[in-house]
Each structure stands twice: as structure tokens, then as C-alpha cells.
Protein backbone atom coordinates (compact mmCIF):
# COMPACT_ATOMS: atom_id res chain seq x y z
CA MET A 1 0.00 0.00 0.00
CA ASN A 2 2.39 2.67 -1.17
CA ASP A 3 -0.30 4.95 -2.55
CA GLN A 4 -2.06 7.37 -0.22
CA THR A 5 -4.35 9.16 -2.63
CA MET A 6 -5.00 9.82 -6.24
CA PRO A 7 -2.24 12.12 -7.58
CA SER A 8 -3.98 15.46 -7.17
CA THR A 9 -3.62 18.67 -5.23
CA GLY A 10 -4.87 18.72 -1.67
CA GLY A 11 -3.66 15.21 -0.79
CA PRO A 12 -2.21 14.34 2.61
CA THR A 13 1.26 15.49 3.55
CA ALA A 14 4.10 13.08 4.26
CA GLY A 15 3.37 13.62 7.94
CA TYR A 16 -0.28 12.56 7.79
CA LEU A 17 -0.81 10.46 10.94
CA ASP A 18 -4.59 10.62 11.28
CA HIS A 19 -6.03 7.51 9.66
CA ALA A 20 -8.08 6.72 12.76
CA ARG A 21 -10.04 9.87 11.92
CA VAL A 22 -10.07 9.75 8.10
CA GLY A 23 -8.08 7.55 5.77
CA PRO A 24 -7.65 9.47 2.50
CA LEU A 25 -9.00 7.56 -0.49
CA SER A 26 -6.61 5.05 -1.97
CA ARG A 27 -6.00 5.16 -5.72
CA ARG A 28 -7.88 1.92 -6.20
CA ALA A 29 -10.93 3.05 -4.22
CA ALA A 30 -10.95 6.45 -5.90
CA GLY A 31 -10.75 4.83 -9.32
CA ALA A 32 -13.62 2.47 -8.54
CA LEU A 33 -15.69 5.37 -7.23
CA ALA A 34 -15.10 7.39 -10.39
CA GLU A 35 -15.96 4.47 -12.68
CA ALA A 36 -19.14 3.62 -10.77
CA THR A 37 -20.21 7.27 -10.74
CA ALA A 38 -19.79 7.33 -14.52
CA LEU A 39 -22.02 4.26 -14.81
CA ALA A 40 -24.65 6.02 -12.69
CA GLY A 41 -24.71 8.87 -15.20
CA ARG A 42 -25.72 6.66 -18.11
CA ALA A 43 -29.18 5.62 -19.18
CA ASP A 44 -28.30 2.25 -20.69
CA PRO A 45 -29.94 -0.58 -18.69
CA ALA A 46 -26.82 -2.69 -19.12
CA ASP A 47 -24.73 -0.02 -17.42
CA LEU A 48 -27.20 0.17 -14.55
CA ASP A 49 -27.05 -3.61 -14.20
CA ARG A 50 -23.26 -3.34 -13.98
CA LEU A 51 -23.62 -0.65 -11.34
CA PHE A 52 -25.97 -2.75 -9.20
CA ALA A 53 -23.66 -5.76 -9.56
CA LEU A 54 -20.90 -3.79 -7.86
CA GLY A 55 -22.83 -4.09 -4.60
CA ASP A 56 -22.85 -7.89 -4.90
CA ALA A 57 -19.14 -7.88 -5.70
CA ALA A 58 -18.40 -5.77 -2.61
CA ARG A 59 -20.33 -8.19 -0.40
CA THR A 60 -18.46 -11.15 -1.87
CA SER A 61 -15.10 -9.49 -1.19
CA ALA A 62 -16.18 -8.57 2.32
CA ALA A 63 -17.32 -12.13 3.00
CA ARG A 64 -13.81 -13.34 2.29
CA LEU A 65 -12.36 -10.76 4.67
CA LEU A 66 -14.83 -11.49 7.47
CA HIS A 67 -14.88 -15.28 7.03
CA ALA A 68 -18.59 -15.14 6.29
CA ARG A 69 -21.08 -16.06 3.58
CA PRO A 70 -22.07 -13.28 1.16
CA HIS A 71 -25.73 -13.44 2.20
CA GLU A 72 -24.65 -12.74 5.80
CA ILE A 73 -23.46 -9.27 4.71
CA ALA A 74 -25.48 -6.21 3.76
CA LEU A 75 -24.30 -2.72 2.84
CA ALA A 76 -25.42 -0.01 5.26
CA PRO A 77 -24.81 3.73 4.73
CA SER A 78 -22.44 4.09 7.70
CA THR A 79 -21.21 2.49 10.90
CA SER A 80 -23.70 4.52 12.94
CA ASN A 81 -26.58 3.57 10.67
CA GLY A 82 -25.58 -0.09 10.89
CA LEU A 83 -25.52 0.03 14.69
CA PHE A 84 -28.94 1.68 14.78
CA THR A 85 -30.16 -1.05 12.44
CA VAL A 86 -28.93 -3.71 14.85
CA ALA A 87 -30.39 -1.90 17.87
CA ALA A 88 -33.76 -1.78 16.12
CA ALA A 89 -33.48 -5.47 15.25
CA LEU A 90 -32.53 -6.75 18.69
CA ARG A 91 -35.84 -6.89 20.51
CA GLY A 92 -36.40 -7.11 24.25
CA PRO A 93 -36.72 -8.39 26.86
CA GLY A 94 -33.14 -8.53 28.02
CA THR A 95 -30.15 -6.32 28.64
CA VAL A 96 -27.27 -5.27 26.41
CA LEU A 97 -23.96 -4.50 28.09
CA VAL A 98 -22.24 -1.35 26.81
CA PRO A 99 -18.78 -0.36 28.07
CA ARG A 100 -19.00 3.24 29.29
CA GLY A 101 -15.83 4.22 27.43
CA GLU A 102 -17.22 3.24 24.03
CA PHE A 103 -17.25 5.76 21.20
CA PRO A 104 -20.73 7.38 21.25
CA ALA A 105 -21.74 5.75 17.94
CA ASN A 106 -21.85 2.48 19.87
CA VAL A 107 -23.77 3.92 22.81
CA TYR A 108 -26.64 6.00 21.50
CA PRO A 109 -28.35 3.35 19.32
CA TRP A 110 -28.87 1.21 22.42
CA LEU A 111 -29.99 4.13 24.56
CA ARG A 112 -32.46 5.30 21.91
CA PHE A 113 -34.16 1.91 21.55
CA ALA A 114 -34.21 1.04 25.25
CA GLY A 115 -37.82 1.40 26.33
CA ARG A 116 -38.97 1.42 22.70
CA GLY A 117 -39.01 -2.31 22.19
CA GLY A 118 -35.28 -2.79 22.47
CA PRO A 119 -33.33 -4.33 25.34
CA ASP A 120 -32.41 -2.46 28.48
CA VAL A 121 -28.94 -0.93 28.61
CA ARG A 122 -26.37 -1.45 31.33
CA LEU A 123 -23.28 0.75 31.10
CA VAL A 124 -20.20 -1.09 32.35
CA ASP A 125 -17.30 0.74 34.00
CA ALA A 126 -13.87 -0.71 33.31
CA ASP A 127 -11.47 -1.50 36.15
CA GLY A 128 -8.76 1.01 35.30
CA PRO A 129 -8.20 0.44 31.55
CA ARG A 130 -10.80 1.66 29.10
CA HIS A 131 -11.42 -1.78 27.64
CA ILE A 132 -13.61 -4.56 28.93
CA THR A 133 -11.84 -7.78 29.91
CA PRO A 134 -13.23 -11.32 30.01
CA ASP A 135 -13.05 -11.27 33.83
CA LEU A 136 -14.94 -7.98 34.02
CA LEU A 137 -17.53 -9.31 31.57
CA ARG A 138 -17.95 -12.45 33.66
CA ARG A 139 -18.76 -10.35 36.72
CA HIS A 140 -21.55 -8.57 34.83
CA LEU A 141 -23.13 -11.65 33.23
CA THR A 142 -26.48 -11.75 34.98
CA PRO A 143 -29.26 -13.96 33.56
CA ASP A 144 -30.98 -11.00 31.87
CA VAL A 145 -27.95 -10.16 29.70
CA THR A 146 -28.56 -11.02 26.05
CA ALA A 147 -25.72 -9.18 24.30
CA LEU A 148 -22.45 -7.28 24.63
CA THR A 149 -21.55 -4.51 22.19
CA VAL A 150 -17.91 -3.50 21.98
CA SER A 151 -15.37 -1.83 19.70
CA ALA A 152 -12.84 -4.12 18.08
CA VAL A 153 -10.23 -1.43 18.74
CA ASP A 154 -10.42 1.37 21.31
CA SER A 155 -10.40 4.71 19.53
CA LEU A 156 -7.95 6.39 21.93
CA THR A 157 -5.64 3.73 23.37
CA GLY A 158 -5.58 1.46 20.31
CA HIS A 159 -6.27 -1.58 22.48
CA VAL A 160 -7.44 -4.59 20.47
CA ALA A 161 -10.42 -6.25 22.14
CA PRO A 162 -10.03 -10.00 22.84
CA LEU A 163 -13.15 -10.84 20.86
CA ALA A 164 -12.73 -14.61 20.97
CA ALA A 165 -12.25 -14.59 24.73
CA LEU A 166 -15.25 -12.30 25.21
CA LYS A 167 -17.41 -14.54 23.03
CA GLU A 168 -16.29 -17.59 25.00
CA VAL A 169 -17.50 -15.93 28.20
CA LEU A 170 -20.78 -14.89 26.56
CA GLY A 171 -21.44 -18.36 25.20
CA PRO A 172 -23.59 -19.28 22.19
CA ASP A 173 -26.83 -17.89 23.61
CA ARG A 174 -25.64 -14.28 24.00
CA LEU A 175 -24.66 -12.03 21.11
CA LEU A 176 -21.30 -10.36 20.60
CA ILE A 177 -21.89 -7.17 18.59
CA VAL A 178 -18.75 -5.48 17.25
CA ASP A 179 -18.08 -1.96 16.00
CA ALA A 180 -15.04 -2.78 13.86
CA ILE A 181 -14.29 0.53 12.15
CA GLN A 182 -11.05 1.19 14.06
CA GLY A 183 -9.73 -2.30 13.39
CA LEU A 184 -10.90 -3.45 9.97
CA GLY A 185 -8.09 -2.84 7.51
CA ALA A 186 -5.61 -1.90 10.24
CA VAL A 187 -4.78 -5.15 12.01
CA PRO A 188 -6.13 -8.69 12.20
CA ILE A 189 -9.22 -8.89 14.39
CA GLU A 190 -11.05 -11.98 15.55
CA THR A 191 -14.04 -11.57 13.26
CA ASP A 192 -15.09 -15.20 13.65
CA ALA A 193 -16.13 -14.43 17.22
CA ALA A 194 -18.52 -11.66 16.19
CA ASP A 195 -22.18 -12.58 15.80
CA VAL A 196 -22.85 -9.12 14.40
CA LEU A 197 -20.23 -6.73 13.03
CA VAL A 198 -20.47 -3.24 11.57
CA SER A 199 -17.75 -1.19 9.90
CA GLY A 200 -17.59 1.79 7.59
CA GLY A 201 -14.77 2.26 5.12
CA GLN A 202 -13.62 5.84 5.63
CA LYS A 203 -10.78 5.08 8.04
CA TRP A 204 -8.27 2.25 7.64
CA LEU A 205 -9.81 0.82 4.47
CA ARG A 206 -9.50 4.29 2.84
CA ALA A 207 -12.74 3.80 0.91
CA GLY A 208 -14.51 7.05 1.78
CA TRP A 209 -18.02 7.54 3.07
CA GLY A 210 -21.38 6.16 1.96
CA ALA A 211 -21.04 2.41 2.50
CA ALA A 212 -20.46 0.20 5.53
CA LEU A 213 -20.39 -3.54 6.08
CA LEU A 214 -23.18 -5.04 8.17
CA LEU A 215 -22.51 -8.67 9.09
CA ILE A 216 -25.28 -10.72 10.69
CA ARG A 217 -24.30 -14.36 10.94
CA ASP A 218 -26.79 -17.13 10.26
CA ARG A 219 -26.28 -18.49 13.78
CA CYS A 220 -28.10 -15.49 15.23
CA ALA A 221 -30.28 -14.31 12.34
CA GLU A 222 -33.52 -15.58 13.87
CA ARG A 223 -32.93 -13.46 16.96
CA LEU A 224 -32.95 -10.19 15.03
CA ALA A 225 -36.19 -8.89 13.58
CA PRO A 226 -35.90 -6.57 10.55
CA GLY A 227 -36.70 -3.49 12.63
CA LEU A 228 -35.52 -0.99 10.00
CA GLY A 229 -36.00 -3.33 7.06
CA GLY A 230 -37.89 -1.60 4.30
CA TRP A 231 -38.92 -2.35 0.74
CA ALA A 232 -35.36 -3.32 -0.24
CA GLY A 233 -35.34 -6.00 2.46
CA VAL A 234 -38.32 -8.06 1.29
CA THR A 235 -38.72 -10.78 -1.32
CA GLU A 236 -41.57 -9.14 -3.26
CA PRO A 237 -41.32 -5.38 -2.82
CA PHE A 238 -43.83 -4.70 -5.58
CA ALA A 239 -46.41 -7.24 -4.50
CA VAL A 240 -49.98 -6.04 -4.21
CA ARG A 241 -50.28 -7.34 -0.67
CA HIS A 242 -47.93 -6.25 2.10
CA PRO A 243 -46.03 -7.06 4.18
CA ALA A 244 -43.97 -9.34 1.97
CA PRO A 245 -41.62 -11.93 3.49
CA PRO A 246 -38.13 -10.64 4.39
CA LEU A 247 -35.15 -11.56 2.29
CA PRO A 248 -32.84 -14.24 3.68
CA GLY A 249 -29.74 -13.10 5.49
CA ALA A 250 -28.57 -9.61 6.38
CA ALA A 251 -30.42 -8.08 3.43
CA ALA A 252 -33.65 -8.33 5.44
CA HIS A 253 -32.43 -5.32 7.42
CA LEU A 254 -31.97 -2.99 4.44
CA ALA A 255 -34.19 0.09 4.40
CA THR A 256 -33.35 0.86 0.78
CA ASN A 257 -30.73 0.25 -1.89
CA PRO A 258 -27.12 1.02 -1.00
CA ASP A 259 -25.07 3.83 -2.47
CA PHE A 260 -23.65 1.81 -5.36
CA PRO A 261 -20.62 4.03 -6.18
CA ALA A 262 -19.69 4.01 -2.48
CA ALA A 263 -20.15 0.23 -2.46
CA ALA A 264 -17.80 -0.03 -5.43
CA ALA A 265 -15.15 1.97 -3.59
CA LEU A 266 -15.55 -0.18 -0.49
CA GLY A 267 -15.28 -3.39 -2.50
CA ALA A 268 -12.16 -2.11 -4.25
CA ALA A 269 -10.62 -1.17 -0.90
CA VAL A 270 -11.24 -4.65 0.48
CA ASP A 271 -9.75 -6.20 -2.67
CA ASP A 272 -6.72 -3.94 -2.28
CA LEU A 273 -6.29 -5.11 1.30
CA HIS A 274 -6.31 -8.74 0.11
CA ASP A 275 -3.77 -7.97 -2.64
CA GLN A 276 -1.43 -6.31 -0.15
CA GLY A 277 -1.21 -9.48 1.92
CA GLY A 278 -4.33 -9.13 4.05
CA PRO A 279 -4.76 -7.73 7.55
CA ALA A 280 -1.74 -9.58 8.98
CA ALA A 281 0.77 -8.15 6.51
CA VAL A 282 -0.72 -4.67 6.46
CA GLY A 283 -1.13 -4.68 10.24
CA ALA A 284 2.52 -5.62 10.76
CA ARG A 285 3.63 -2.57 8.79
CA ILE A 286 1.21 -0.28 10.61
CA ARG A 287 2.29 -1.57 14.02
CA ALA A 288 5.98 -1.18 13.16
CA THR A 289 5.46 2.44 12.16
CA LEU A 290 3.36 3.15 15.24
CA ALA A 291 6.01 1.58 17.49
CA ALA A 292 8.65 3.83 15.93
CA LEU A 293 6.46 6.91 16.46
CA LEU A 294 5.80 6.07 20.11
CA ASP A 295 9.51 5.43 20.68
CA ARG A 296 10.25 8.91 19.33
CA ALA A 297 7.56 10.35 21.58
CA ARG A 298 9.06 8.68 24.65
CA SER A 299 12.55 9.89 23.77
CA ALA A 300 11.16 13.45 23.73
CA GLY A 301 9.80 12.92 27.26
CA ALA A 302 6.20 12.16 26.34
CA GLU A 303 3.82 10.02 28.37
CA VAL A 304 2.13 7.32 26.27
CA LEU A 305 -1.43 6.34 27.14
CA SER A 306 -1.76 2.65 28.10
CA ASP A 307 1.98 2.27 27.65
CA GLY A 308 1.88 -1.22 29.10
CA LEU A 309 0.12 -2.66 26.07
CA ALA A 310 2.14 -5.23 24.17
CA LEU A 311 2.61 -4.63 20.45
CA GLN A 312 0.03 -7.28 19.51
CA GLU A 313 -2.49 -5.77 21.93
CA ARG A 314 -2.37 -2.39 20.18
CA ALA A 315 -3.70 -1.66 16.71
CA GLY A 316 -2.73 1.38 14.64
CA ILE A 317 -3.54 3.93 17.34
CA GLY A 318 -1.38 5.49 20.05
CA SER A 319 -1.91 8.57 22.20
CA PHE A 320 0.58 10.68 24.14
CA ARG A 321 1.06 13.99 25.89
CA LEU A 322 4.12 16.10 26.62
CA PRO A 323 4.29 16.91 30.35
CA GLY A 324 4.63 20.60 31.11
CA HIS A 325 3.31 21.62 27.69
CA ASP A 326 -0.20 22.63 26.75
CA THR A 327 -1.71 19.93 24.56
CA GLY A 328 -3.37 22.44 22.25
CA THR A 329 -0.04 24.17 21.69
CA VAL A 330 1.67 20.84 20.98
CA HIS A 331 -1.05 19.86 18.52
CA ARG A 332 -0.82 23.16 16.65
CA ALA A 333 2.96 23.03 16.54
CA LEU A 334 2.89 19.53 15.07
CA GLU A 335 0.45 20.67 12.40
CA GLU A 336 2.65 23.66 11.56
CA ALA A 337 5.53 21.21 11.14
CA GLY A 338 3.44 19.14 8.70
CA VAL A 339 2.46 16.41 11.16
CA ILE A 340 -1.30 15.81 11.15
CA THR A 341 -2.75 14.24 14.30
CA THR A 342 -5.95 14.37 16.37
CA ARG A 343 -6.24 16.10 19.72
CA ARG A 344 -8.51 14.49 22.30
CA ASP A 345 -8.65 16.38 25.61
CA GLU A 346 -5.15 16.12 27.14
CA TRP A 347 -3.98 13.55 24.60
CA ILE A 348 -2.69 13.65 21.04
CA ARG A 349 -3.52 10.62 18.94
CA VAL A 350 -1.30 9.32 16.15
CA SER A 351 -2.53 6.71 13.68
CA PRO A 352 -0.20 5.89 10.77
CA HIS A 353 -0.99 3.61 7.86
CA ALA A 354 0.99 1.02 5.94
CA SER A 355 1.33 3.72 3.29
CA THR A 356 2.90 6.19 5.74
CA PRO A 357 6.43 6.99 4.50
CA PRO A 358 9.48 6.69 6.79
CA ALA A 359 9.94 10.45 6.48
CA ALA A 360 6.85 10.91 8.66
CA THR A 361 8.61 9.38 11.67
CA ASP A 362 11.60 11.69 11.28
CA LEU A 363 9.35 14.71 10.81
CA PHE A 364 7.40 13.78 13.93
CA ALA A 365 10.58 13.27 15.98
CA ARG A 366 12.10 16.60 14.98
CA ALA A 367 8.90 18.46 15.79
CA LEU A 368 8.52 16.82 19.20
CA HIS A 369 12.14 17.35 20.24
CA SER A 370 11.88 20.97 19.21
CA LEU A 371 8.79 21.32 21.40
CA ALA A 372 10.38 19.52 24.32
CA ARG A 373 13.20 22.06 24.40
CA ARG A 374 10.79 24.96 24.81
CA THR A 375 9.97 26.48 28.19
CA PRO A 376 7.18 24.41 29.82
CA ARG A 377 3.93 26.02 30.82
CA THR A 378 3.59 27.24 34.38
CA HIS A 379 0.75 24.96 35.42
CA THR A 380 1.09 21.29 34.58
CA ARG A 381 -0.98 18.21 35.12
CA THR A 382 0.86 15.46 36.93
CA ASP A 383 -1.83 12.78 36.82
CA VAL A 384 -1.94 10.27 33.99
CA GLN A 385 -5.42 8.92 34.52
CA GLU A 386 -7.12 7.80 31.37
CA PRO A 387 -10.10 9.84 30.18
CA THR A 388 -13.59 8.62 30.94
CA CYS A 389 -15.39 10.18 27.98
CA PRO A 390 -15.37 8.33 24.65
CA THR A 391 -13.43 9.68 21.71
CA SER A 392 -13.33 9.20 17.97
């Protein structure tokens, strides 16, 4: 993955380290998007058939990535939309466990449907780290619990959730629902353990907005009613008598047709990931670059959030702060030096890609060491407690 964007003005700088926020379109995804958009501008029925077929091709590619069957995958408009779809489908009674530190996209769908036919919500506080552990889950597994929803990768620490271990604790009768957007395309994740999985393509897959993968495995399909399923999710949408029977598989939950150009870009991005060696190969490069960045941060005197994580426990995300220096000032100085990051409260998040050039690490190191030599601010924070509010 040596390409970051199509060769045009306005592309990311060499120091772009913000793929956990937005992964600029890859050449392959951008090309697929342009070709599909051209098909959408034609009136020939054959071209429209080709356009619609791109959605099926994207699902087939995604099935290979997620170790699933194509009919177990539908294309939602976004991660948030997919999670709302699942929340509408998972009917009560029962309780869904939601870690309190989750990104809000994986909190509000459950809160909104609680009391409206959906399960009750129990927010779970972690014991120190932001992530939920199998032992912590075990302590919260009361008989009323029917599901756990969790991010595959924490959006601030980069911690990779032990999905297989969590599913083992849950057992076959409780659902493991996974928001995978910060992991899919970045590192290998244990997708086999997920009963339901949702992921958009605008971050690590570098596919842009408009299409997300919604995986609902056959083993739990009967437990999810098509709460948001509309005319596109039934077998005979133009029948005289309604309601018509739902389509088999995840398609039963579709409200309408997907954005086909966006689906084409997503399918191309998944194909590109396969061609580059898959999540293991790409993830190894991302982790190596992240490790180098965090080493440079430490050498400049920075504190790294969740620094005890082993390399294989962390995905493509790391966060740090420079003691004695205002985080906003550090963030702005990095940007002025050509290093693009995300600021979250007292932390600065870096998230390189496999396509990140080695020059980015040197640029980052020079900028940080220059900052570290400046006079510290008068008032400093000495605590290193992890934030309690979720971040993107």
C-alpha cells in the first residue's frame, strides 16, 4: 500500500498520521468510485445492471475478509446507521452490556431503543483500563444479559479487544456485537467471534463515506427482527399485498438500496487489502510504524497512554502527551511542522498507515524534540489517569 491518494492537489502530507479519523481515499478506491459514478450517469440498462452488480461484488469481497457467507453481509450507509439497524433489530426483553468508554456511535443506538421495544442498557465501568476484559464481563453476566456490544479497537488507546475470549464468556446464547471501524483494515481482528459486526470504510480501508459492512451471521439471524428493514429488504417489494416476506440473510435489514458508487469503492478497498497481503501483513507494517512513532515520543519525554500494552495488543492507534506543555499548543505546533494528528482532551492521537512513508517518523521526531526544548507552561498536570469520555 504505497499509494495514499489519487495524484492530485490537496492530498495528505508526508506527515499525515490521522487515519483513525479519516483515511484518504486510496488510488484503487478512488478509481472504482469514479468508474461507478460514470455508470450512474448513463441511461443504458446494461450499465445500470453493472452498477448494481458492484454491490454484490463488494459483499463477496467482504465475506472473504470477514470469514462469512455473502448473504450474511449487507451494505449499510455508515457504521452509525448499521448500529442503529442492529439496535432496532434486537428486541427485548433482556439487557445489552455497553462499556461506558465506548465511542458514542456504539452507545446511542442502544440508549435510543431502550424502552422502545429494544433491550435495556447497562453501562459497564472498566477497572482502570478503558477496555472490557473477560473477567470484568464475567462479573456482569447476569441472567438477563442477552448481548455485549464492543469496539474491536479502542479509539484512543488502540487496544485490540479480545473478541474470541469475550465470546467464550458470553457463550452461544448471548450475542457479541462489534463496531469494527477502528480495526478493519488496520490489524487482524477476531471476526469469527462476532455474531454481528459493523464497519464503515472511511478510516483504515480508505474507501470514503457512503457504504459500511453489516454482518449478521446465520447463527443469530432468527434473533434479530428486521426493525428498520424496508422495501429493499423483502422478497416481493412490488407485491400487491404487504407485508412481503423478508429476504434471507442480512439483506432483510436494508431500508433501501445502497449507495452503489460508495459500495464499489468499499469493495475495491477490500480487494486492495487482500492484494497487499491481508490484515496480517498490512497490520505488521502499521504496528511497526506506530512503534517507531511512540519510541520517538518517549525519547522526547512524552507520556504514552496505556503504555503497558504489548505490540500485539495495540492496533494502529497510540496517544501521548508532553508533560509541562499545553496539549493544544503541541497539537498546533505539530500541524505547523506538517504532522497531522488528532487532539482528544489532554492527549494527542497518532494513527499511521501502511502507506505512511518513513519520512513521517523523522518529521514527527524533529517536531517533538523541538517542542520539548521549549519552556514548559507554568501549570502542569501530573496525573496520567485515562479519560472517561469516549473519543473518535
